[in-house]
Amino acid sequence: MCNVCGCGSGETRIEGEGAKPAYRWAPVGRRQATRAQAEVASPASAQAAGGEEGEGSLHFGHGPAGAHVPGMSQAQMVKIEQDILARNDGFAAENRRWLAERGVLALNLVSSPGSGKTSLLVRTIAALQALPQPVPVSVVEGDQQTSFDAERIRATGAPALQINTGKGCHLDARMVGLALAKLAPAEGGVLLVENVGNLVCPAAFDLGEAAKVVVLSVTEGEDKPLKYPDMFAAASLMLLNKIDLLPHLSFDVNKTIEFALRVNPRLQVIPLSASTGEGFEAWLDWLLARRKAARIARAERLAGLRDAAADPVAEAGLEPAADGRAG
């Protein structure tokens, strides 16, 4: 998990800030492994490094940190992770408060690369704009490089901001907070955050969203929920995308759903196709129900503030005495 290595530190670029980056497609800061280093480690050396030997495998994720970094103890890794996530959680709380004050529903869309997130967003925006009462939508796009996805979103007429993370493999709450200041999503609207394509690290980072939505395409294989359980455990909804391709694939939908629910029994699942629109009614119903809840919560909060302003005694938390004076 990248928490322990500080991946991408100092490389984030938010669209509109500074010069365009020089795109570097080759790995940066990586040493070429020697043949000896590439040899499969012996069970003894693996155990010394913190790994556990199993039947035909070595497992480096059973320690308290759930990961392994050469030369670093599990206690050190846990401390670093806790520090990083604590800072991120502070920014996430600020984002959540900012969104709640404006009644904005924020969803964090996560998936592997190529699952169809951007196509899903394009069709979702078109559907929300076509409603009798169009829903305002803003989008934050996360990628290591390029602004291709943000350009696709802006072609729909929706405002979008691209965040390039450099070597970083996920968005964090501070990045999204800076994006909120630039995008200024409409009150009562929807903010869709397309995270960097990665089923590992984004699971740990709260962005201030109302829910994580994991997108899994039928071209990826049924066992993804078991291979990457943290992401499916953190999500509220799984969108099973590209179901229009099912006639051409040997993909077991029921098995995939079974695996996903084994990881997260509360996970909701909606099969759909961003290409044909099949299943989109259920997805839009889910989204609009949560947008309604966000707007109701904001209205109740504003009503509470008005009531408190009208009753300064209640606002101060004082009980009136029997003679009418505050006690």
Protein backbone atom coordinates (compact mmCIF):
# COMPACT_ATOMS: atom_id res chain seq x y z
CA MET A 1 0.00 0.00 0.00
CA CYS A 2 1.39 3.37 -1.01
CA ASN A 3 0.80 4.89 2.45
CA VAL A 4 4.15 3.57 3.55
CA CYS A 5 6.23 4.80 0.60
CA GLY A 6 4.83 8.29 -0.05
CA CYS A 7 4.25 7.61 -3.74
CA GLY A 8 3.89 10.67 -5.91
CA SER A 9 4.82 13.11 -3.16
CA GLY A 10 5.14 16.59 -4.65
CA GLU A 11 4.05 15.49 -8.13
CA THR A 12 0.35 16.35 -8.00
CA ARG A 13 -0.83 18.89 -10.57
CA ILE A 14 -4.31 20.41 -10.58
CA GLU A 15 -5.44 21.62 -13.97
CA GLY A 16 -4.90 25.32 -14.48
CA GLU A 17 -2.04 25.56 -12.00
CA GLY A 18 1.51 25.96 -13.30
CA ALA A 19 3.06 24.81 -16.52
CA LYS A 20 2.03 21.64 -18.31
CA PRO A 21 4.02 18.65 -17.10
CA ALA A 22 6.50 16.79 -19.23
CA TYR A 23 4.90 13.37 -19.54
CA ARG A 24 7.20 10.54 -18.50
CA TRP A 25 5.98 7.17 -19.61
CA ALA A 26 8.94 5.12 -18.32
CA PRO A 27 9.17 4.17 -14.64
CA VAL A 28 10.94 6.86 -12.65
CA GLY A 29 13.21 6.26 -9.68
CA ARG A 30 13.26 2.49 -10.12
CA ARG A 31 16.43 0.44 -10.24
CA GLN A 32 16.77 -2.39 -12.71
CA ALA A 33 16.75 -5.61 -10.71
CA THR A 34 19.73 -7.87 -11.18
CA ARG A 35 19.23 -11.49 -12.11
CA ALA A 36 20.13 -12.53 -8.57
CA GLN A 37 17.58 -10.13 -7.11
CA ALA A 38 14.93 -11.46 -9.45
CA GLU A 39 15.42 -15.04 -8.24
CA VAL A 40 12.56 -16.50 -6.25
CA ALA A 41 13.40 -16.10 -2.57
CA SER A 42 13.81 -19.15 -0.40
CA PRO A 43 11.23 -19.82 2.33
CA ALA A 44 13.84 -18.92 4.97
CA SER A 45 14.62 -15.55 3.41
CA ALA A 46 10.95 -14.81 2.90
CA GLN A 47 10.15 -15.55 6.52
CA ALA A 48 13.06 -13.39 7.63
CA ALA A 49 11.57 -10.55 5.56
CA GLY A 50 8.22 -10.94 7.28
CA GLY A 51 6.50 -13.21 4.76
CA GLU A 52 4.53 -16.32 5.62
CA GLU A 53 5.05 -19.53 3.69
CA GLY A 54 1.96 -21.24 2.30
CA GLU A 55 1.24 -24.07 -0.10
CA GLY A 56 2.86 -22.86 -3.32
CA SER A 57 2.88 -19.20 -2.26
CA LEU A 58 4.42 -16.56 -0.02
CA HIS A 59 2.13 -14.13 1.79
CA PHE A 60 3.46 -10.71 2.84
CA GLY A 61 0.12 -9.24 3.94
CA HIS A 62 -0.61 -11.03 7.20
CA GLY A 63 1.19 -8.63 9.54
CA PRO A 64 -0.47 -5.74 11.40
CA ALA A 65 0.32 -3.35 8.53
CA GLY A 66 -1.15 -5.68 5.92
CA ALA A 67 1.86 -5.01 3.68
CA HIS A 68 5.64 -5.37 3.50
CA VAL A 69 8.45 -2.90 2.83
CA PRO A 70 12.08 -4.10 2.89
CA GLY A 71 13.98 -2.72 5.88
CA MET A 72 10.89 -1.40 7.68
CA SER A 73 9.19 -3.04 10.64
CA GLN A 74 5.46 -3.63 10.88
CA ALA A 75 5.28 -1.15 13.76
CA GLN A 76 6.97 1.54 11.66
CA MET A 77 4.61 0.90 8.76
CA VAL A 78 1.53 1.06 10.98
CA LYS A 79 2.70 4.35 12.51
CA ILE A 80 3.35 5.93 9.10
CA GLU A 81 -0.01 4.76 7.77
CA GLN A 82 -1.87 6.05 10.81
CA ASP A 83 -0.18 9.46 10.52
CA ILE A 84 -0.94 9.78 6.81
CA LEU A 85 -4.54 8.66 7.10
CA ALA A 86 -5.15 10.88 10.14
CA ARG A 87 -4.05 13.95 8.17
CA ASN A 88 -6.16 12.85 5.21
CA ASP A 89 -9.19 12.28 7.45
CA GLY A 90 -8.91 15.87 8.67
CA PHE A 91 -9.11 17.19 5.12
CA ALA A 92 -11.93 14.75 4.35
CA ALA A 93 -13.97 16.07 7.28
CA GLU A 94 -13.53 19.61 5.95
CA ASN A 95 -14.67 18.50 2.48
CA ARG A 96 -17.69 16.66 3.92
CA ARG A 97 -18.70 19.73 5.92
CA TRP A 98 -18.31 21.99 2.84
CA LEU A 99 -20.44 19.64 0.72
CA ALA A 100 -23.11 19.22 3.41
CA GLU A 101 -23.47 22.98 3.81
CA ARG A 102 -24.35 23.18 0.11
CA GLY A 103 -26.42 20.00 -0.14
CA VAL A 104 -24.05 18.51 -2.71
CA LEU A 105 -24.00 14.73 -3.15
CA ALA A 106 -20.41 13.56 -3.70
CA LEU A 107 -19.66 10.07 -5.02
CA ASN A 108 -16.18 8.55 -5.30
CA LEU A 109 -16.01 6.22 -8.33
CA VAL A 110 -13.24 3.66 -8.08
CA SER A 111 -12.16 0.77 -10.31
CA SER A 112 -9.38 -0.85 -12.27
CA PRO A 113 -8.16 0.99 -15.38
CA GLY A 114 -10.42 0.33 -18.35
CA SER A 115 -13.60 -0.56 -16.46
CA GLY A 116 -15.54 2.14 -18.29
CA LYS A 117 -15.78 4.80 -15.56
CA THR A 118 -15.51 7.78 -17.91
CA SER A 119 -18.04 6.35 -20.37
CA LEU A 120 -20.32 5.69 -17.42
CA LEU A 121 -19.97 9.31 -16.29
CA VAL A 122 -20.66 10.68 -19.77
CA ARG A 123 -23.90 8.71 -20.03
CA THR A 124 -24.87 9.55 -16.45
CA ILE A 125 -24.40 13.28 -17.04
CA ALA A 126 -26.49 13.11 -20.23
CA ALA A 127 -29.27 11.31 -18.36
CA LEU A 128 -29.28 13.79 -15.48
CA GLN A 129 -29.30 16.73 -17.90
CA ALA A 130 -32.27 15.20 -19.76
CA LEU A 131 -34.53 15.04 -16.68
CA PRO A 132 -37.56 17.38 -16.54
CA GLN A 133 -35.65 19.20 -13.80
CA PRO A 134 -32.00 18.86 -14.90
CA VAL A 135 -29.53 18.01 -12.16
CA PRO A 136 -26.32 20.11 -12.07
CA VAL A 137 -23.25 17.85 -12.19
CA SER A 138 -19.56 18.64 -11.63
CA VAL A 139 -16.72 16.18 -12.10
CA VAL A 140 -13.23 15.76 -10.67
CA GLU A 141 -11.03 13.55 -12.84
CA GLY A 142 -8.01 11.76 -11.37
CA ASP A 143 -5.24 10.33 -13.57
CA GLN A 144 -1.49 10.06 -13.33
CA GLN A 145 -1.09 12.03 -16.57
CA THR A 146 -3.10 13.76 -19.35
CA SER A 147 -6.43 15.61 -19.25
CA PHE A 148 -8.19 13.38 -21.79
CA ASP A 149 -10.96 12.31 -19.41
CA ALA A 150 -11.72 15.85 -18.24
CA GLU A 151 -11.98 16.93 -21.89
CA ARG A 152 -14.52 14.14 -22.54
CA ILE A 153 -16.58 15.30 -19.57
CA ARG A 154 -16.46 18.97 -20.58
CA ALA A 155 -17.75 17.99 -24.03
CA THR A 156 -21.05 17.07 -22.32
CA GLY A 157 -21.38 20.63 -21.00
CA ALA A 158 -20.59 19.67 -17.40
CA PRO A 159 -17.73 21.46 -15.60
CA ALA A 160 -14.75 19.20 -14.92
CA LEU A 161 -11.34 19.60 -13.35
CA GLN A 162 -8.41 17.29 -14.02
CA ILE A 163 -6.03 16.29 -11.22
CA ASN A 164 -2.78 14.64 -12.35
CA THR A 165 -1.14 12.68 -9.55
CA GLY A 166 2.22 12.00 -11.22
CA LYS A 167 3.56 8.78 -9.71
CA GLY A 168 0.75 8.85 -7.14
CA CYS A 169 -1.80 6.06 -7.46
CA HIS A 170 -4.86 7.68 -5.88
CA LEU A 171 -6.58 10.95 -5.07
CA ASP A 172 -6.55 12.21 -1.50
CA ALA A 173 -8.84 14.57 0.41
CA ARG A 174 -6.56 17.60 0.14
CA MET A 175 -6.48 17.31 -3.66
CA VAL A 176 -10.26 17.13 -3.77
CA GLY A 177 -10.57 20.08 -1.39
CA LEU A 178 -8.49 22.23 -3.73
CA ALA A 179 -10.63 21.04 -6.64
CA LEU A 180 -13.82 22.00 -4.79
CA ALA A 181 -12.57 25.57 -4.44
CA LYS A 182 -11.94 25.77 -8.18
CA LEU A 183 -15.03 23.91 -9.41
CA ALA A 184 -17.55 25.40 -6.94
CA PRO A 185 -20.24 22.73 -7.52
CA ALA A 186 -23.79 24.05 -7.66
CA GLU A 187 -25.80 23.91 -4.44
CA GLY A 188 -28.03 20.83 -4.39
CA GLY A 189 -26.08 19.30 -7.26
CA VAL A 190 -23.96 16.19 -7.72
CA LEU A 191 -20.17 15.92 -7.60
CA LEU A 192 -18.74 12.82 -9.28
CA VAL A 193 -15.11 12.03 -8.50
CA GLU A 194 -13.44 9.61 -10.91
CA ASN A 195 -10.49 8.29 -8.95
CA VAL A 196 -7.24 7.00 -10.44
CA GLY A 197 -7.69 3.51 -11.89
CA ASN A 198 -6.53 1.31 -9.00
CA LEU A 199 -8.32 -1.22 -6.79
CA VAL A 200 -5.85 -0.98 -3.89
CA CYS A 201 -4.89 2.40 -2.44
CA PRO A 202 -8.07 4.44 -3.10
CA ALA A 203 -9.89 2.10 -0.71
CA ALA A 204 -8.08 3.62 2.27
CA PHE A 205 -8.46 7.31 1.43
CA ASP A 206 -11.66 9.10 2.43
CA LEU A 207 -12.24 12.09 0.14
CA GLY A 208 -15.25 13.43 2.02
CA GLU A 209 -17.66 11.58 -0.26
CA ALA A 210 -21.10 10.28 0.67
CA ALA A 211 -20.26 6.87 -0.79
CA LYS A 212 -17.69 4.92 -2.76
CA VAL A 213 -19.03 3.34 -5.94
CA VAL A 214 -16.85 0.53 -7.27
CA VAL A 215 -17.14 -0.17 -10.99
CA LEU A 216 -16.33 -3.71 -12.14
CA SER A 217 -16.54 -4.66 -15.81
CA VAL A 218 -17.45 -8.15 -16.99
CA THR A 219 -14.20 -8.29 -18.94
CA GLU A 220 -12.14 -8.37 -15.73
CA GLY A 221 -13.01 -11.75 -14.22
CA GLU A 222 -15.34 -12.94 -11.48
CA ASP A 223 -12.74 -13.10 -8.72
CA LYS A 224 -11.87 -9.38 -8.48
CA PRO A 225 -13.84 -8.87 -5.22
CA LEU A 226 -11.84 -11.62 -3.51
CA LYS A 227 -8.50 -10.49 -4.94
CA TYR A 228 -9.04 -6.86 -3.90
CA PRO A 229 -11.35 -7.15 -0.87
CA ASP A 230 -10.55 -3.79 0.76
CA MET A 231 -12.09 -1.86 -2.12
CA PHE A 232 -15.29 -3.87 -2.20
CA ALA A 233 -15.54 -3.73 1.59
CA ALA A 234 -15.27 0.09 1.48
CA ALA A 235 -17.87 0.55 -1.28
CA SER A 236 -21.60 1.09 -0.85
CA LEU A 237 -22.49 0.16 -4.42
CA MET A 238 -20.99 -2.03 -7.13
CA LEU A 239 -21.82 -1.21 -10.73
CA LEU A 240 -21.24 -4.29 -12.89
CA ASN A 241 -20.48 -2.62 -16.21
CA LYS A 242 -20.32 -3.77 -19.85
CA ILE A 243 -23.07 -6.39 -19.48
CA ASP A 244 -23.79 -5.93 -23.19
CA LEU A 245 -20.65 -8.03 -23.75
CA LEU A 246 -21.89 -11.02 -21.73
CA PRO A 247 -22.99 -13.03 -24.80
CA HIS A 248 -19.37 -12.97 -25.98
CA LEU A 249 -17.74 -13.89 -22.65
CA SER A 250 -17.62 -16.79 -20.20
CA PHE A 251 -18.42 -14.59 -17.21
CA ASP A 252 -20.55 -15.78 -14.30
CA VAL A 253 -22.54 -12.80 -12.99
CA ASN A 254 -24.01 -14.71 -10.06
CA LYS A 255 -20.59 -15.89 -8.92
CA THR A 256 -19.23 -12.34 -9.06
CA ILE A 257 -22.09 -11.03 -6.96
CA GLU A 258 -21.65 -13.92 -4.52
CA PHE A 259 -17.95 -13.09 -4.13
CA ALA A 260 -18.69 -9.39 -3.65
CA LEU A 261 -21.33 -10.05 -0.99
CA ARG A 262 -18.99 -12.46 0.75
CA VAL A 263 -16.63 -9.50 1.25
CA ASN A 264 -19.36 -6.94 1.97
CA PRO A 265 -22.85 -8.30 2.76
CA ARG A 266 -24.31 -4.76 2.69
CA LEU A 267 -23.02 -4.01 -0.81
CA GLN A 268 -25.69 -3.10 -3.34
CA VAL A 269 -25.18 -4.34 -6.91
CA ILE A 270 -26.51 -2.91 -10.17
CA PRO A 271 -25.62 -4.59 -13.49
CA LEU A 272 -25.60 -2.09 -16.35
CA SER A 273 -24.04 -1.06 -19.64
CA ALA A 274 -22.60 2.39 -20.21
CA SER A 275 -22.72 1.65 -23.95
CA THR A 276 -26.38 0.65 -24.35
CA GLY A 277 -27.95 2.20 -21.26
CA GLU A 278 -29.28 -1.12 -19.99
CA GLY A 279 -29.67 -0.98 -16.20
CA PHE A 280 -29.26 2.79 -16.06
CA GLU A 281 -32.70 3.39 -14.58
CA ALA A 282 -31.71 1.54 -11.40
CA TRP A 283 -28.40 3.44 -11.19
CA LEU A 284 -30.12 6.81 -11.61
CA ASP A 285 -32.76 5.89 -9.02
CA TRP A 286 -29.99 5.03 -6.55
CA LEU A 287 -28.12 8.27 -7.27
CA LEU A 288 -31.20 10.52 -7.15
CA ALA A 289 -32.38 8.99 -3.87
CA ARG A 290 -29.07 9.92 -2.28
CA ARG A 291 -29.14 13.37 -3.79
CA LYS A 292 -32.60 13.87 -2.28
CA ALA A 293 -31.27 12.79 1.12
CA ALA A 294 -28.39 15.29 0.86
CA ARG A 295 -30.79 18.12 0.03
CA ILE A 296 -33.16 17.18 2.86
CA ALA A 297 -30.26 17.09 5.33
CA ARG A 298 -29.19 20.56 4.21
CA ALA A 299 -32.76 21.92 4.54
CA GLU A 300 -33.06 20.48 8.05
CA ARG A 301 -29.70 21.96 9.01
CA LEU A 302 -30.72 25.41 7.73
CA ALA A 303 -34.05 25.16 9.56
CA GLY A 304 -32.19 24.30 12.76
CA LEU A 305 -29.92 27.31 12.34
CA ARG A 306 -32.92 29.59 11.78
CA ASP A 307 -34.64 28.23 14.88
CA ALA A 308 -31.48 28.70 16.93
CA ALA A 309 -31.10 32.27 15.70
CA ALA A 310 -34.70 33.00 16.66
CA ASP A 311 -34.20 31.59 20.16
CA PRO A 312 -30.88 32.88 21.61
CA VAL A 313 -31.53 31.08 24.93
CA ALA A 314 -31.75 27.71 23.17
CA GLU A 315 -28.74 28.60 21.04
CA ALA A 316 -26.70 29.18 24.20
CA GLY A 317 -27.86 25.84 25.59
CA LEU A 318 -29.48 27.47 28.64
CA GLU A 319 -32.67 26.27 30.29
CA PRO A 320 -35.19 29.01 31.16
CA ALA A 321 -35.87 29.26 34.90
CA ALA A 322 -39.36 29.18 36.39
CA ASP A 323 -39.50 32.98 36.47
CA GLY A 324 -38.55 33.16 32.80
CA ARG A 325 -34.90 33.96 33.37
CA ALA A 326 -32.17 31.70 31.95
CA GLY A 327 -30.98 29.31 34.62
